[in-house]
Amino acid sequence: MSATPRPTAARSSPSRKPSCKPPRETAARRVAESIRDLIRRERIPPGGRLPTEHELARRFRASRPIVREAITTLRALGLVETRPRVGLRRLDFDPADVFDRLVPWMGAPEWGADLRELRRLIEPSLLVLVLRRATADDYRRLEAQLASGLAGDSAFHEALWQLAGNRFLCGLRGLLLSAVGPVLPSRRMMQEHRAILRALQAGDLNEATRLMRAHLGP
């Protein structure tokens, strides 16, 4: 008599399906990438003028409406601007500006969980940069702010993102910290901030990372 097969355990489905979709390839996107390549290839400096819309359309074999759409995309990213009687010119790109433009759009509840999840992945990891770049004076200033009560939750974390000294991380900080919103100060929160700072001052990356993960929560 054959044995009755054991039922297989059902796999638990994730609470949310990932929604990572590749960017949609369009003619305007291809032209925008070609304009960026042109800026790099010809080393056009910030403030430097780019070819006219008509010249770009001819060079990239695209219609002028497509070129306008590409320029609109680059303008939204802070890469170029159009001025009357000046034309199209390159801007000095700052990644922080791009992320700051996204902050007002990320207040919707459906984005909050993803942003908090991303923050919990990134913020403990940036402490290695803080340890590499922060000086004793930086730590003393932050310690004084904590002692005076001036460094609330957002101010403490803002200071750490700044001390990491990475432009892209500094750009991300506003976007990720906006997902948390205002946090009322508490004795426990201040104790956790001081413990993280003490671990950093001691040069103990593992302990600082562990404390930060516990502070940010699951």
C-alpha atoms as a PDB file:
ATOM      1  CA  MET A   1       0.000   0.000   0.000  1.00  0.00           C
ATOM      2  CA  SER A   2       1.518   3.286  -1.060  1.00  0.00           C
ATOM      3  CA  ALA A   3       2.072   5.975   1.511  1.00  0.00           C
ATOM      4  CA  THR A   4      -0.191   8.961   1.418  1.00  0.00           C
ATOM      5  CA  PRO A   5       1.821  11.920   0.106  1.00  0.00           C
ATOM      6  CA  ARG A   6       2.353  14.679   2.609  1.00  0.00           C
ATOM      7  CA  PRO A   7       0.762  17.982   1.756  1.00  0.00           C
ATOM      8  CA  THR A   8       3.312  20.567   0.792  1.00  0.00           C
ATOM      9  CA  ALA A   9       3.408  23.732   2.835  1.00  0.00           C
ATOM     10  CA  ALA A  10       1.999  26.685   1.001  1.00  0.00           C
ATOM     11  CA  ARG A  11       4.460  29.451   0.392  1.00  0.00           C
ATOM     12  CA  SER A  12       3.595  32.655   2.103  1.00  0.00           C
ATOM     13  CA  SER A  13       2.947  35.383  -0.391  1.00  0.00           C
ATOM     14  CA  PRO A  14       4.639  38.730   0.108  1.00  0.00           C
ATOM     15  CA  SER A  15       2.513  41.461   1.612  1.00  0.00           C
ATOM     16  CA  ARG A  16       3.142  43.710  -1.371  1.00  0.00           C
ATOM     17  CA  LYS A  17       4.080  42.933  -4.922  1.00  0.00           C
ATOM     18  CA  PRO A  18       7.168  44.757  -6.144  1.00  0.00           C
ATOM     19  CA  SER A  19       6.432  47.334  -8.788  1.00  0.00           C
ATOM     20  CA  CYS A  20       9.878  47.788 -10.330  1.00  0.00           C
ATOM     21  CA  LYS A  21       9.161  48.535 -13.947  1.00  0.00           C
ATOM     22  CA  PRO A  22      11.843  49.509 -16.444  1.00  0.00           C
ATOM     23  CA  PRO A  23      11.472  53.048 -17.787  1.00  0.00           C
ATOM     24  CA  ARG A  24       9.299  53.201 -20.873  1.00  0.00           C
ATOM     25  CA  GLU A  25      11.416  53.710 -23.966  1.00  0.00           C
ATOM     26  CA  THR A  26      10.117  56.631 -26.004  1.00  0.00           C
ATOM     27  CA  ALA A  27      11.483  58.834 -28.763  1.00  0.00           C
ATOM     28  CA  ALA A  28      11.623  61.778 -26.344  1.00  0.00           C
ATOM     29  CA  ARG A  29      13.579  59.720 -23.814  1.00  0.00           C
ATOM     30  CA  ARG A  30      16.098  58.702 -26.475  1.00  0.00           C
ATOM     31  CA  VAL A  31      16.563  62.340 -27.513  1.00  0.00           C
ATOM     32  CA  ALA A  32      16.968  63.415 -23.865  1.00  0.00           C
ATOM     33  CA  GLU A  33      19.721  60.817 -23.426  1.00  0.00           C
ATOM     34  CA  SER A  34      21.355  61.998 -26.650  1.00  0.00           C
ATOM     35  CA  ILE A  35      21.376  65.592 -25.372  1.00  0.00           C
ATOM     36  CA  ARG A  36      23.002  64.440 -22.123  1.00  0.00           C
ATOM     37  CA  ASP A  37      25.618  62.561 -24.145  1.00  0.00           C
ATOM     38  CA  LEU A  38      26.196  65.715 -26.187  1.00  0.00           C
ATOM     39  CA  ILE A  39      26.812  67.743 -23.014  1.00  0.00           C
ATOM     40  CA  ARG A  40      29.355  65.186 -21.774  1.00  0.00           C
ATOM     41  CA  ARG A  41      31.025  64.607 -25.128  1.00  0.00           C
ATOM     42  CA  GLU A  42      31.489  68.291 -25.951  1.00  0.00           C
ATOM     43  CA  ARG A  43      32.190  69.164 -22.298  1.00  0.00           C
ATOM     44  CA  ILE A  44      29.670  71.979 -22.233  1.00  0.00           C
ATOM     45  CA  PRO A  45      30.245  73.765 -18.904  1.00  0.00           C
ATOM     46  CA  PRO A  46      27.484  75.007 -16.565  1.00  0.00           C
ATOM     47  CA  GLY A  47      26.055  78.118 -18.175  1.00  0.00           C
ATOM     48  CA  GLY A  48      27.217  76.997 -21.613  1.00  0.00           C
ATOM     49  CA  ARG A  49      24.797  77.189 -24.516  1.00  0.00           C
ATOM     50  CA  LEU A  50      23.451  74.145 -26.314  1.00  0.00           C
ATOM     51  CA  PRO A  51      22.367  73.928 -29.956  1.00  0.00           C
ATOM     52  CA  THR A  52      18.983  75.364 -30.839  1.00  0.00           C
ATOM     53  CA  GLU A  53      15.840  73.265 -30.862  1.00  0.00           C
ATOM     54  CA  HIS A  54      15.934  73.257 -34.671  1.00  0.00           C
ATOM     55  CA  GLU A  55      19.575  72.106 -34.706  1.00  0.00           C
ATOM     56  CA  LEU A  56      18.891  69.367 -32.139  1.00  0.00           C
ATOM     57  CA  ALA A  57      15.960  68.107 -34.209  1.00  0.00           C
ATOM     58  CA  ARG A  58      18.170  67.972 -37.304  1.00  0.00           C
ATOM     59  CA  ARG A  59      21.099  66.365 -35.495  1.00  0.00           C
ATOM     60  CA  PHE A  60      19.045  63.632 -33.818  1.00  0.00           C
ATOM     61  CA  ARG A  61      16.592  63.197 -36.714  1.00  0.00           C
ATOM     62  CA  ALA A  62      13.594  63.882 -34.518  1.00  0.00           C
ATOM     63  CA  SER A  63      10.575  66.140 -34.810  1.00  0.00           C
ATOM     64  CA  ARG A  64      10.614  69.427 -32.930  1.00  0.00           C
ATOM     65  CA  PRO A  65       7.722  68.370 -30.620  1.00  0.00           C
ATOM     66  CA  ILE A  66       9.811  65.332 -29.599  1.00  0.00           C
ATOM     67  CA  VAL A  67      12.822  67.573 -28.939  1.00  0.00           C
ATOM     68  CA  ARG A  68      10.646  69.932 -26.864  1.00  0.00           C
ATOM     69  CA  GLU A  69       9.426  66.990 -24.789  1.00  0.00           C
ATOM     70  CA  ALA A  70      13.023  65.858 -24.243  1.00  0.00           C
ATOM     71  CA  ILE A  71      14.042  69.366 -23.163  1.00  0.00           C
ATOM     72  CA  THR A  72      11.084  69.498 -20.757  1.00  0.00           C
ATOM     73  CA  THR A  73      12.327  66.262 -19.158  1.00  0.00           C
ATOM     74  CA  LEU A  74      15.872  67.591 -18.783  1.00  0.00           C
ATOM     75  CA  ARG A  75      14.560  70.876 -17.407  1.00  0.00           C
ATOM     76  CA  ALA A  76      12.530  69.006 -14.768  1.00  0.00           C
ATOM     77  CA  LEU A  77      15.735  67.219 -13.717  1.00  0.00           C
ATOM     78  CA  GLY A  78      17.543  70.532 -13.333  1.00  0.00           C
ATOM     79  CA  LEU A  79      20.003  69.799 -16.148  1.00  0.00           C
ATOM     80  CA  VAL A  80      19.085  72.605 -18.551  1.00  0.00           C
ATOM     81  CA  GLU A  81      17.046  75.779 -18.736  1.00  0.00           C
ATOM     82  CA  THR A  82      15.580  77.843 -21.548  1.00  0.00           C
ATOM     83  CA  ARG A  83      15.822  81.633 -21.483  1.00  0.00           C
ATOM     84  CA  PRO A  84      14.365  84.200 -23.881  1.00  0.00           C
ATOM     85  CA  ARG A  85      16.979  85.552 -26.309  1.00  0.00           C
ATOM     86  CA  VAL A  86      19.537  83.184 -24.774  1.00  0.00           C
ATOM     87  CA  GLY A  87      18.186  79.779 -25.732  1.00  0.00           C
ATOM     88  CA  LEU A  88      18.995  76.456 -24.162  1.00  0.00           C
ATOM     89  CA  ARG A  89      21.857  76.320 -21.685  1.00  0.00           C
ATOM     90  CA  ARG A  90      23.283  73.817 -19.261  1.00  0.00           C
ATOM     91  CA  LEU A  91      22.749  74.198 -15.514  1.00  0.00           C
ATOM     92  CA  ASP A  92      25.081  73.184 -12.706  1.00  0.00           C
ATOM     93  CA  PHE A  93      23.425  69.895 -11.748  1.00  0.00           C
ATOM     94  CA  ASP A  94      22.797  69.266  -8.058  1.00  0.00           C
ATOM     95  CA  PRO A  95      21.238  65.871  -7.215  1.00  0.00           C
ATOM     96  CA  ALA A  96      19.712  67.345  -4.061  1.00  0.00           C
ATOM     97  CA  ASP A  97      17.534  69.619  -6.202  1.00  0.00           C
ATOM     98  CA  VAL A  98      16.061  66.633  -8.041  1.00  0.00           C
ATOM     99  CA  PHE A  99      15.087  64.821  -4.852  1.00  0.00           C
ATOM    100  CA  ASP A 100      13.789  68.026  -3.253  1.00  0.00           C
ATOM    101  CA  ARG A 101      11.383  68.424  -6.168  1.00  0.00           C
ATOM    102  CA  LEU A 102       9.976  64.983  -5.384  1.00  0.00           C
ATOM    103  CA  VAL A 103       9.293  65.666  -1.693  1.00  0.00           C
ATOM    104  CA  PRO A 104       5.898  67.405  -2.177  1.00  0.00           C
ATOM    105  CA  TRP A 105       4.721  64.487  -4.325  1.00  0.00           C
ATOM    106  CA  MET A 106       5.729  61.798  -1.848  1.00  0.00           C
ATOM    107  CA  GLY A 107       3.287  62.700   0.903  1.00  0.00           C
ATOM    108  CA  ALA A 108       0.697  60.224  -0.363  1.00  0.00           C
ATOM    109  CA  PRO A 109       0.194  57.235   1.978  1.00  0.00           C
ATOM    110  CA  GLU A 110       1.006  54.694  -0.739  1.00  0.00           C
ATOM    111  CA  TRP A 111       4.611  55.950  -0.886  1.00  0.00           C
ATOM    112  CA  GLY A 112       5.255  56.060   2.859  1.00  0.00           C
ATOM    113  CA  ALA A 113       5.921  52.357   3.426  1.00  0.00           C
ATOM    114  CA  ASP A 114       8.385  52.151   0.535  1.00  0.00           C
ATOM    115  CA  LEU A 115      10.268  55.265   1.642  1.00  0.00           C
ATOM    116  CA  ARG A 116      10.514  54.079   5.249  1.00  0.00           C
ATOM    117  CA  GLU A 117      11.734  50.694   4.031  1.00  0.00           C
ATOM    118  CA  LEU A 118      14.379  52.370   1.867  1.00  0.00           C
ATOM    119  CA  ARG A 119      15.474  54.564   4.752  1.00  0.00           C
ATOM    120  CA  ARG A 120      15.932  51.544   7.041  1.00  0.00           C
ATOM    121  CA  LEU A 121      18.206  50.011   4.408  1.00  0.00           C
ATOM    122  CA  ILE A 122      20.284  53.127   3.721  1.00  0.00           C
ATOM    123  CA  GLU A 123      20.655  55.096   6.942  1.00  0.00           C
ATOM    124  CA  PRO A 124      22.484  52.445   9.016  1.00  0.00           C
ATOM    125  CA  SER A 125      24.874  51.931   6.092  1.00  0.00           C
ATOM    126  CA  LEU A 126      25.814  55.603   5.786  1.00  0.00           C
ATOM    127  CA  LEU A 127      27.400  55.495   9.250  1.00  0.00           C
ATOM    128  CA  VAL A 128      30.555  54.057   7.689  1.00  0.00           C
ATOM    129  CA  LEU A 129      30.915  57.359   5.801  1.00  0.00           C
ATOM    130  CA  VAL A 130      30.217  59.350   8.964  1.00  0.00           C
ATOM    131  CA  LEU A 131      33.045  57.513  10.741  1.00  0.00           C
ATOM    132  CA  ARG A 132      35.336  58.134   7.791  1.00  0.00           C
ATOM    133  CA  ARG A 133      34.662  61.865   7.436  1.00  0.00           C
ATOM    134  CA  ALA A 134      33.345  63.341  10.678  1.00  0.00           C
ATOM    135  CA  THR A 135      35.839  65.126  12.912  1.00  0.00           C
ATOM    136  CA  ALA A 136      36.013  65.355  16.683  1.00  0.00           C
ATOM    137  CA  ASP A 137      34.658  68.907  16.392  1.00  0.00           C
ATOM    138  CA  ASP A 138      31.666  67.606  14.397  1.00  0.00           C
ATOM    139  CA  TYR A 139      30.865  65.137  17.154  1.00  0.00           C
ATOM    140  CA  ARG A 140      31.277  67.808  19.851  1.00  0.00           C
ATOM    141  CA  ARG A 141      28.843  70.117  18.060  1.00  0.00           C
ATOM    142  CA  LEU A 142      26.281  67.341  17.723  1.00  0.00           C
ATOM    143  CA  GLU A 143      26.816  66.371  21.359  1.00  0.00           C
ATOM    144  CA  ALA A 144      26.195  69.980  22.430  1.00  0.00           C
ATOM    145  CA  GLN A 145      22.994  70.098  20.377  1.00  0.00           C
ATOM    146  CA  LEU A 146      21.770  66.893  22.009  1.00  0.00           C
ATOM    147  CA  ALA A 147      22.616  68.216  25.476  1.00  0.00           C
ATOM    148  CA  SER A 148      20.743  71.466  24.829  1.00  0.00           C
ATOM    149  CA  GLY A 149      17.720  69.685  23.397  1.00  0.00           C
ATOM    150  CA  LEU A 150      18.084  71.546  20.080  1.00  0.00           C
ATOM    151  CA  ALA A 151      18.654  68.373  18.067  1.00  0.00           C
ATOM    152  CA  GLY A 152      15.241  66.771  17.726  1.00  0.00           C
ATOM    153  CA  ASP A 153      14.795  63.528  15.839  1.00  0.00           C
ATOM    154  CA  SER A 154      14.872  65.015  12.343  1.00  0.00           C
ATOM    155  CA  ALA A 155      17.736  67.396  13.211  1.00  0.00           C
ATOM    156  CA  PHE A 156      19.861  64.542  14.595  1.00  0.00           C
ATOM    157  CA  HIS A 157      19.364  62.382  11.524  1.00  0.00           C
ATOM    158  CA  GLU A 158      19.808  65.362   9.207  1.00  0.00           C
ATOM    159  CA  ALA A 159      23.189  66.016  10.843  1.00  0.00           C
ATOM    160  CA  LEU A 160      24.318  62.429  10.240  1.00  0.00           C
ATOM    161  CA  TRP A 161      23.305  62.550   6.569  1.00  0.00           C
ATOM    162  CA  GLN A 162      25.273  65.786   6.207  1.00  0.00           C
ATOM    163  CA  LEU A 163      28.323  64.351   7.978  1.00  0.00           C
ATOM    164  CA  ALA A 164      28.338  61.401   5.561  1.00  0.00           C
ATOM    165  CA  GLY A 165      29.504  63.925   2.960  1.00  0.00           C
ATOM    166  CA  ASN A 166      28.010  62.228  -0.104  1.00  0.00           C
ATOM    167  CA  ARG A 167      26.105  64.501  -2.489  1.00  0.00           C
ATOM    168  CA  PHE A 168      23.628  61.854  -3.603  1.00  0.00           C
ATOM    169  CA  LEU A 169      22.938  60.785  -0.034  1.00  0.00           C
ATOM    170  CA  CYS A 170      22.435  64.435   0.914  1.00  0.00           C
ATOM    171  CA  GLY A 171      19.956  64.648  -1.929  1.00  0.00           C
ATOM    172  CA  LEU A 172      18.087  61.593  -0.703  1.00  0.00           C
ATOM    173  CA  ARG A 173      17.869  62.777   2.886  1.00  0.00           C
ATOM    174  CA  GLY A 174      14.979  65.197   2.357  1.00  0.00           C
ATOM    175  CA  LEU A 175      12.997  62.609   0.451  1.00  0.00           C
ATOM    176  CA  LEU A 176      13.484  59.823   3.002  1.00  0.00           C
ATOM    177  CA  LEU A 177      13.145  61.961   6.122  1.00  0.00           C
ATOM    178  CA  SER A 178       9.908  63.409   4.727  1.00  0.00           C
ATOM    179  CA  ALA A 179       8.363  59.933   4.952  1.00  0.00           C
ATOM    180  CA  VAL A 180       8.659  60.044   8.736  1.00  0.00           C
ATOM    181  CA  GLY A 181       7.056  63.406   9.385  1.00  0.00           C
ATOM    182  CA  PRO A 182       7.378  65.287  12.675  1.00  0.00           C
ATOM    183  CA  VAL A 183       8.360  63.143  15.666  1.00  0.00           C
ATOM    184  CA  LEU A 184       7.622  64.309  19.192  1.00  0.00           C
ATOM    185  CA  PRO A 185      10.767  64.228  21.351  1.00  0.00           C
ATOM    186  CA  SER A 186      10.863  61.656  24.117  1.00  0.00           C
ATOM    187  CA  ARG A 187      13.381  60.563  26.733  1.00  0.00           C
ATOM    188  CA  ARG A 188      13.828  57.212  25.006  1.00  0.00           C
ATOM    189  CA  MET A 189      14.474  58.864  21.642  1.00  0.00           C
ATOM    190  CA  MET A 190      17.104  61.175  23.137  1.00  0.00           C
ATOM    191  CA  GLN A 191      18.790  58.249  24.903  1.00  0.00           C
ATOM    192  CA  GLU A 192      18.969  56.339  21.626  1.00  0.00           C
ATOM    193  CA  HIS A 193      20.467  59.365  19.859  1.00  0.00           C
ATOM    194  CA  ARG A 194      23.134  59.714  22.546  1.00  0.00           C
ATOM    195  CA  ALA A 195      23.951  55.993  22.396  1.00  0.00           C
ATOM    196  CA  ILE A 196      24.432  56.163  18.612  1.00  0.00           C
ATOM    197  CA  LEU A 197      26.655  59.221  18.985  1.00  0.00           C
ATOM    198  CA  ARG A 198      28.762  57.566  21.714  1.00  0.00           C
ATOM    199  CA  ALA A 199      29.325  54.531  19.485  1.00  0.00           C
ATOM    200  CA  LEU A 200      30.422  56.815  16.642  1.00  0.00           C
ATOM    201  CA  GLN A 201      32.773  58.731  18.925  1.00  0.00           C
ATOM    202  CA  ALA A 202      34.269  55.410  20.031  1.00  0.00           C
ATOM    203  CA  GLY A 203      34.749  54.386  16.395  1.00  0.00           C
ATOM    204  CA  ASP A 204      32.557  51.310  16.879  1.00  0.00           C
ATOM    205  CA  LEU A 205      30.810  50.890  13.527  1.00  0.00           C
ATOM    206  CA  ASN A 206      29.124  47.594  14.400  1.00  0.00           C
ATOM    207  CA  GLU A 207      27.580  48.980  17.581  1.00  0.00           C
ATOM    208  CA  ALA A 208      26.522  52.243  15.926  1.00  0.00           C
ATOM    209  CA  THR A 209      24.897  50.307  13.079  1.00  0.00           C
ATOM    210  CA  ARG A 210      23.108  47.951  15.480  1.00  0.00           C
ATOM    211  CA  LEU A 211      21.787  50.864  17.523  1.00  0.00           C
ATOM    212  CA  MET A 212      20.623  52.732  14.432  1.00  0.00           C
ATOM    213  CA  ARG A 213      18.733  49.699  13.119  1.00  0.00           C
ATOM    214  CA  ALA A 214      17.027  49.268  16.482  1.00  0.00           C
ATOM    215  CA  HIS A 215      16.249  53.002  16.605  1.00  0.00           C
ATOM    216  CA  LEU A 216      14.620  53.017  13.152  1.00  0.00           C
ATOM    217  CA  GLY A 217      12.553  49.952  13.990  1.00  0.00           C
ATOM    218  CA  PRO A 218      11.552  46.895  11.945  1.00  0.00           C
END
